[in-house]
Amino acid sequence: MAKRAFTFGVRLRDKGRTVRVRDQGGASGRYVVEDEQKGRKTHRRVHTSLQSALADTASTWRGRLH
């Protein structure tokens, strides 16, 4: 039986700011959170689990409100 890698990605956009979650690629099992904002350097954080990547994304996205 053939196995395929789980494909997962998130992109949230608002007023020139984008937060993405994507698989780092390969069989590494790592996820990258990219926080991009117009006029600023893109911040990238690598997580070893999807749960921690999503928690980081939620925290980052909520942080834009304050």
PDB file of N, CA and C in Angstrom:
ATOM      1  N   MET A   1       0.838  -1.169   0.000  1.00  0.00           N
ATOM      2  CA  MET A   1       0.000   0.000   0.000  1.00  0.00           C
ATOM      3  C   MET A   1       0.893   1.245   0.000  1.00  0.00           C
ATOM      4  N   ALA A   2       0.575   2.194  -0.868  1.00  0.00           N
ATOM      5  CA  ALA A   2       1.353   3.430  -0.964  1.00  0.00           C
ATOM      6  C   ALA A   2       0.959   4.384   0.153  1.00  0.00           C
ATOM      7  N   LYS A   3       1.934   5.142   0.627  1.00  0.00           N
ATOM      8  CA  LYS A   3       1.688   6.139   1.666  1.00  0.00           C
ATOM      9  C   LYS A   3       2.017   7.512   1.114  1.00  0.00           C
ATOM     10  N   ARG A   4       1.190   8.469   1.457  1.00  0.00           N
ATOM     11  CA  ARG A   4       1.424   9.854   1.071  1.00  0.00           C
ATOM     12  C   ARG A   4       1.631  10.696   2.314  1.00  0.00           C
ATOM     13  N   ALA A   5       2.460  11.697   2.168  1.00  0.00           N
ATOM     14  CA  ALA A   5       2.696  12.610   3.282  1.00  0.00           C
ATOM     15  C   ALA A   5       1.448  13.460   3.514  1.00  0.00           C
ATOM     16  N   PHE A   6       1.195  13.772   4.755  1.00  0.00           N
ATOM     17  CA  PHE A   6       0.076  14.627   5.111  1.00  0.00           C
ATOM     18  C   PHE A   6       0.391  16.049   4.661  1.00  0.00           C
ATOM     19  N   THR A   7      -0.485  16.647   3.897  1.00  0.00           N
ATOM     20  CA  THR A   7      -0.278  18.007   3.408  1.00  0.00           C
ATOM     21  C   THR A   7      -1.136  18.958   4.228  1.00  0.00           C
ATOM     22  N   PHE A   8      -0.508  19.989   4.724  1.00  0.00           N
ATOM     23  CA  PHE A   8      -1.222  20.919   5.590  1.00  0.00           C
ATOM     24  C   PHE A   8      -0.667  22.321   5.383  1.00  0.00           C
ATOM     25  N   GLY A   9      -1.527  23.304   5.368  1.00  0.00           N
ATOM     26  CA  GLY A   9      -1.092  24.691   5.266  1.00  0.00           C
ATOM     27  C   GLY A   9      -2.179  25.638   5.730  1.00  0.00           C
ATOM     28  N   VAL A  10      -1.758  26.787   6.268  1.00  0.00           N
ATOM     29  CA  VAL A  10      -2.677  27.821   6.723  1.00  0.00           C
ATOM     30  C   VAL A  10      -2.127  29.157   6.238  1.00  0.00           C
ATOM     31  N   ARG A  11      -3.027  30.047   5.806  1.00  0.00           N
ATOM     32  CA  ARG A  11      -2.615  31.407   5.469  1.00  0.00           C
ATOM     33  C   ARG A  11      -3.688  32.365   5.963  1.00  0.00           C
ATOM     34  N   LEU A  12      -3.294  33.285   6.827  1.00  0.00           N
ATOM     35  CA  LEU A  12      -4.181  34.311   7.364  1.00  0.00           C
ATOM     36  C   LEU A  12      -3.667  35.662   6.884  1.00  0.00           C
ATOM     37  N   ARG A  13      -4.550  36.478   6.311  1.00  0.00           N
ATOM     38  CA  ARG A  13      -4.144  37.781   5.780  1.00  0.00           C
ATOM     39  C   ARG A  13      -5.069  38.871   6.305  1.00  0.00           C
ATOM     40  N   ASP A  14      -4.451  40.018   6.654  1.00  0.00           N
ATOM     41  CA  ASP A  14      -5.228  41.170   7.096  1.00  0.00           C
ATOM     42  C   ASP A  14      -4.361  42.415   7.025  1.00  0.00           C
ATOM     43  N   LYS A  15      -4.800  43.412   6.268  1.00  0.00           N
ATOM     44  CA  LYS A  15      -4.174  44.733   6.209  1.00  0.00           C
ATOM     45  C   LYS A  15      -2.656  44.677   6.019  1.00  0.00           C
ATOM     46  N   GLY A  16      -2.202  43.930   5.049  1.00  0.00           N
ATOM     47  CA  GLY A  16      -0.781  43.885   4.737  1.00  0.00           C
ATOM     48  C   GLY A  16       0.036  42.935   5.582  1.00  0.00           C
ATOM     49  N   ARG A  17      -0.591  42.191   6.440  1.00  0.00           N
ATOM     50  CA  ARG A  17       0.114  41.218   7.268  1.00  0.00           C
ATOM     51  C   ARG A  17      -0.358  39.821   6.894  1.00  0.00           C
ATOM     52  N   THR A  18       0.586  38.899   6.770  1.00  0.00           N
ATOM     53  CA  THR A  18       0.278  37.515   6.432  1.00  0.00           C
ATOM     54  C   THR A  18       0.993  36.587   7.407  1.00  0.00           C
ATOM     55  N   VAL A  19       0.257  35.644   7.951  1.00  0.00           N
ATOM     56  CA  VAL A  19       0.835  34.600   8.802  1.00  0.00           C
ATOM     57  C   VAL A  19       0.553  33.272   8.124  1.00  0.00           C
ATOM     58  N   ARG A  20       1.612  32.491   7.875  1.00  0.00           N
ATOM     59  CA  ARG A  20       1.483  31.205   7.185  1.00  0.00           C
ATOM     60  C   ARG A  20       2.023  30.072   8.049  1.00  0.00           C
ATOM     61  N   VAL A  21       1.409  28.928   7.886  1.00  0.00           N
ATOM     62  CA  VAL A  21       1.922  27.685   8.462  1.00  0.00           C
ATOM     63  C   VAL A  21       2.051  26.715   7.311  1.00  0.00           C
ATOM     64  N   ARG A  22       3.217  26.095   7.193  1.00  0.00           N
ATOM     65  CA  ARG A  22       3.418  25.124   6.122  1.00  0.00           C
ATOM     66  C   ARG A  22       4.349  24.026   6.599  1.00  0.00           C
ATOM     67  N   ASP A  23       4.257  22.918   5.905  1.00  0.00           N
ATOM     68  CA  ASP A  23       5.138  21.780   6.164  1.00  0.00           C
ATOM     69  C   ASP A  23       6.520  22.136   5.646  1.00  0.00           C
ATOM     70  N   GLN A  24       7.562  21.824   6.405  1.00  0.00           N
ATOM     71  CA  GLN A  24       8.914  22.184   5.991  1.00  0.00           C
ATOM     72  C   GLN A  24       9.365  21.375   4.777  1.00  0.00           C
ATOM     73  N   GLY A  25       8.704  20.288   4.521  1.00  0.00           N
ATOM     74  CA  GLY A  25       9.034  19.478   3.347  1.00  0.00           C
ATOM     75  C   GLY A  25       9.760  18.199   3.736  1.00  0.00           C
ATOM     76  N   GLY A  26       9.678  17.243   2.838  1.00  0.00           N
ATOM     77  CA  GLY A  26      10.314  15.957   3.128  1.00  0.00           C
ATOM     78  C   GLY A  26       9.602  15.232   4.244  1.00  0.00           C
ATOM     79  N   ALA A  27      10.304  14.322   4.861  1.00  0.00           N
ATOM     80  CA  ALA A  27       9.739  13.535   5.951  1.00  0.00           C
ATOM     81  C   ALA A  27      10.216  14.053   7.299  1.00  0.00           C
ATOM     82  N   SER A  28      10.553  15.346   7.361  1.00  0.00           N
ATOM     83  CA  SER A  28      11.120  15.901   8.585  1.00  0.00           C
ATOM     84  C   SER A  28      10.101  16.012   9.714  1.00  0.00           C
ATOM     85  N   GLY A  29       8.820  16.175   9.379  1.00  0.00           N
ATOM     86  CA  GLY A  29       7.799  16.308  10.411  1.00  0.00           C
ATOM     87  C   GLY A  29       7.851  17.647  11.106  1.00  0.00           C
ATOM     88  N   ARG A  30       8.447  18.636  10.465  1.00  0.00           N
ATOM     89  CA  ARG A  30       8.547  19.968  11.046  1.00  0.00           C
ATOM     90  C   ARG A  30       7.634  20.935  10.299  1.00  0.00           C
ATOM     91  N   TYR A  31       7.192  21.958  11.013  1.00  0.00           N
ATOM     92  CA  TYR A  31       6.305  22.965  10.452  1.00  0.00           C
ATOM     93  C   TYR A  31       6.914  24.344  10.647  1.00  0.00           C
ATOM     94  N   VAL A  32       6.733  25.211   9.669  1.00  0.00           N
ATOM     95  CA  VAL A  32       7.300  26.556   9.691  1.00  0.00           C
ATOM     96  C   VAL A  32       6.164  27.568   9.798  1.00  0.00           C
ATOM     97  N   VAL A  33       6.308  28.518  10.722  1.00  0.00           N
ATOM     98  CA  VAL A  33       5.381  29.634  10.853  1.00  0.00           C
ATOM     99  C   VAL A  33       6.104  30.865  10.327  1.00  0.00           C
ATOM    100  N   GLU A  34       5.513  31.510   9.325  1.00  0.00           N
ATOM    101  CA  GLU A  34       6.096  32.715   8.731  1.00  0.00           C
ATOM    102  C   GLU A  34       5.183  33.895   9.012  1.00  0.00           C
ATOM    103  N   ASP A  35       5.729  34.925   9.616  1.00  0.00           N
ATOM    104  CA  ASP A  35       4.992  36.150   9.919  1.00  0.00           C
ATOM    105  C   ASP A  35       5.566  37.248   9.034  1.00  0.00           C
ATOM    106  N   GLU A  36       4.783  37.668   8.043  1.00  0.00           N
ATOM    107  CA  GLU A  36       5.245  38.646   7.055  1.00  0.00           C
ATOM    108  C   GLU A  36       4.389  39.902   7.142  1.00  0.00           C
ATOM    109  N   GLN A  37       5.062  41.050   7.146  1.00  0.00           N
ATOM    110  CA  GLN A  37       4.360  42.318   7.225  1.00  0.00           C
ATOM    111  C   GLN A  37       5.035  43.295   6.269  1.00  0.00           C
ATOM    112  N   LYS A  38       4.239  44.096   5.584  1.00  0.00           N
ATOM    113  CA  LYS A  38       4.794  45.049   4.619  1.00  0.00           C
ATOM    114  C   LYS A  38       5.790  45.968   5.307  1.00  0.00           C
ATOM    115  N   GLY A  39       6.953  46.110   4.690  1.00  0.00           N
ATOM    116  CA  GLY A  39       7.977  46.998   5.219  1.00  0.00           C
ATOM    117  C   GLY A  39       8.812  46.415   6.341  1.00  0.00           C
ATOM    118  N   ARG A  40       8.604  45.159   6.678  1.00  0.00           N
ATOM    119  CA  ARG A  40       9.368  44.517   7.757  1.00  0.00           C
ATOM    120  C   ARG A  40       9.931  43.189   7.291  1.00  0.00           C
ATOM    121  N   LYS A  41      10.932  42.736   7.995  1.00  0.00           N
ATOM    122  CA  LYS A  41      11.557  41.450   7.706  1.00  0.00           C
ATOM    123  C   LYS A  41      10.615  40.311   8.094  1.00  0.00           C
ATOM    124  N   THR A  42      10.597  39.247   7.293  1.00  0.00           N
ATOM    125  CA  THR A  42       9.759  38.079   7.583  1.00  0.00           C
ATOM    126  C   THR A  42      10.366  37.280   8.727  1.00  0.00           C
ATOM    127  N   HIS A  43       9.547  36.971   9.716  1.00  0.00           N
ATOM    128  CA  HIS A  43       9.993  36.161  10.856  1.00  0.00           C
ATOM    129  C   HIS A  43       9.574  34.716  10.611  1.00  0.00           C
ATOM    130  N   ARG A  44      10.524  33.776  10.733  1.00  0.00           N
ATOM    131  CA  ARG A  44      10.241  32.359  10.538  1.00  0.00           C
ATOM    132  C   ARG A  44      10.595  31.591  11.799  1.00  0.00           C
ATOM    133  N   ARG A  45       9.671  30.743  12.201  1.00  0.00           N
ATOM    134  CA  ARG A  45       9.890  29.910  13.381  1.00  0.00           C
ATOM    135  C   ARG A  45       9.571  28.466  13.008  1.00  0.00           C
ATOM    136  N   VAL A  46      10.452  27.569  13.389  1.00  0.00           N
ATOM    137  CA  VAL A  46      10.296  26.145  13.070  1.00  0.00           C
ATOM    138  C   VAL A  46       9.797  25.418  14.312  1.00  0.00           C
ATOM    139  N   HIS A  47       8.792  24.556  14.123  1.00  0.00           N
ATOM    140  CA  HIS A  47       8.205  23.782  15.218  1.00  0.00           C
ATOM    141  C   HIS A  47       8.285  22.297  14.880  1.00  0.00           C
ATOM    142  N   THR A  48       8.411  21.481  15.893  1.00  0.00           N
ATOM    143  CA  THR A  48       8.520  20.035  15.694  1.00  0.00           C
ATOM    144  C   THR A  48       7.168  19.344  15.650  1.00  0.00           C
ATOM    145  N   SER A  49       6.104  20.071  16.005  1.00  0.00           N
ATOM    146  CA  SER A  49       4.773  19.465  15.947  1.00  0.00           C
ATOM    147  C   SER A  49       3.776  20.452  15.361  1.00  0.00           C
ATOM    148  N   LEU A  50       2.736  19.919  14.779  1.00  0.00           N
ATOM    149  CA  LEU A  50       1.678  20.748  14.215  1.00  0.00           C
ATOM    150  C   LEU A  50       0.956  21.511  15.313  1.00  0.00           C
ATOM    151  N   GLN A  51       0.778  20.885  16.449  1.00  0.00           N
ATOM    152  CA  GLN A  51       0.089  21.520  17.565  1.00  0.00           C
ATOM    153  C   GLN A  51       0.817  22.780  18.030  1.00  0.00           C
ATOM    154  N   SER A  52       2.129  22.727  18.174  1.00  0.00           N
ATOM    155  CA  SER A  52       2.871  23.904  18.615  1.00  0.00           C
ATOM    156  C   SER A  52       2.898  24.978  17.527  1.00  0.00           C
ATOM    157  N   ALA A  53       2.926  24.574  16.265  1.00  0.00           N
ATOM    158  CA  ALA A  53       2.901  25.540  15.163  1.00  0.00           C
ATOM    159  C   ALA A  53       1.563  26.282  15.139  1.00  0.00           C
ATOM    160  N   LEU A  54       0.471  25.570  15.331  1.00  0.00           N
ATOM    161  CA  LEU A  54      -0.846  26.208  15.342  1.00  0.00           C
ATOM    162  C   LEU A  54      -1.032  27.107  16.564  1.00  0.00           C
ATOM    163  N   ALA A  55      -0.495  26.689  17.706  1.00  0.00           N
ATOM    164  CA  ALA A  55      -0.570  27.526  18.902  1.00  0.00           C
ATOM    165  C   ALA A  55       0.217  28.825  18.689  1.00  0.00           C
ATOM    166  N   ASP A  56       1.383  28.736  18.068  1.00  0.00           N
ATOM    167  CA  ASP A  56       2.183  29.920  17.755  1.00  0.00           C
ATOM    168  C   ASP A  56       1.448  30.824  16.773  1.00  0.00           C
ATOM    169  N   THR A  57       0.818  30.229  15.764  1.00  0.00           N
ATOM    170  CA  THR A  57       0.062  30.994  14.780  1.00  0.00           C
ATOM    171  C   THR A  57      -1.098  31.730  15.438  1.00  0.00           C
ATOM    172  N   ALA A  58      -1.841  31.052  16.281  1.00  0.00           N
ATOM    173  CA  ALA A  58      -2.974  31.670  16.971  1.00  0.00           C
ATOM    174  C   ALA A  58      -2.516  32.815  17.866  1.00  0.00           C
ATOM    175  N   SER A  59      -1.427  32.615  18.581  1.00  0.00           N
ATOM    176  CA  SER A  59      -0.889  33.652  19.454  1.00  0.00           C
ATOM    177  C   SER A  59      -0.428  34.860  18.647  1.00  0.00           C
ATOM    178  N   THR A  60       0.251  34.612  17.533  1.00  0.00           N
ATOM    179  CA  THR A  60       0.724  35.691  16.668  1.00  0.00           C
ATOM    180  C   THR A  60      -0.451  36.452  16.073  1.00  0.00           C
ATOM    181  N   TRP A  61      -1.463  35.726  15.628  1.00  0.00           N
ATOM    182  CA  TRP A  61      -2.619  36.363  14.987  1.00  0.00           C
ATOM    183  C   TRP A  61      -3.418  37.184  16.004  1.00  0.00           C
ATOM    184  N   ARG A  62      -3.583  36.669  17.204  1.00  0.00           N
ATOM    185  CA  ARG A  62      -4.279  37.432  18.242  1.00  0.00           C
ATOM    186  C   ARG A  62      -3.475  38.659  18.645  1.00  0.00           C
ATOM    187  N   GLY A  63      -2.143  38.559  18.602  1.00  0.00           N
ATOM    188  CA  GLY A  63      -1.268  39.665  18.986  1.00  0.00           C
ATOM    189  C   GLY A  63      -1.435  40.887  18.104  1.00  0.00           C
ATOM    190  N   ARG A  64      -1.907  40.720  16.890  1.00  0.00           N
ATOM    191  CA  ARG A  64      -2.079  41.862  15.986  1.00  0.00           C
ATOM    192  C   ARG A  64      -3.213  42.764  16.448  1.00  0.00           C
ATOM    193  N   LEU A  65      -4.076  42.263  17.313  1.00  0.00           N
ATOM    194  CA  LEU A  65      -5.213  43.039  17.786  1.00  0.00           C
ATOM    195  C   LEU A  65      -4.841  44.022  18.891  1.00  0.00           C
ATOM    196  N   HIS A  66      -3.698  43.819  19.515  1.00  0.00           N
ATOM    197  CA  HIS A  66      -3.308  44.653  20.658  1.00  0.00           C
ATOM    198  C   HIS A  66      -2.239  45.643  20.280  1.00  0.00           C
TER     199      HIS A  66
END
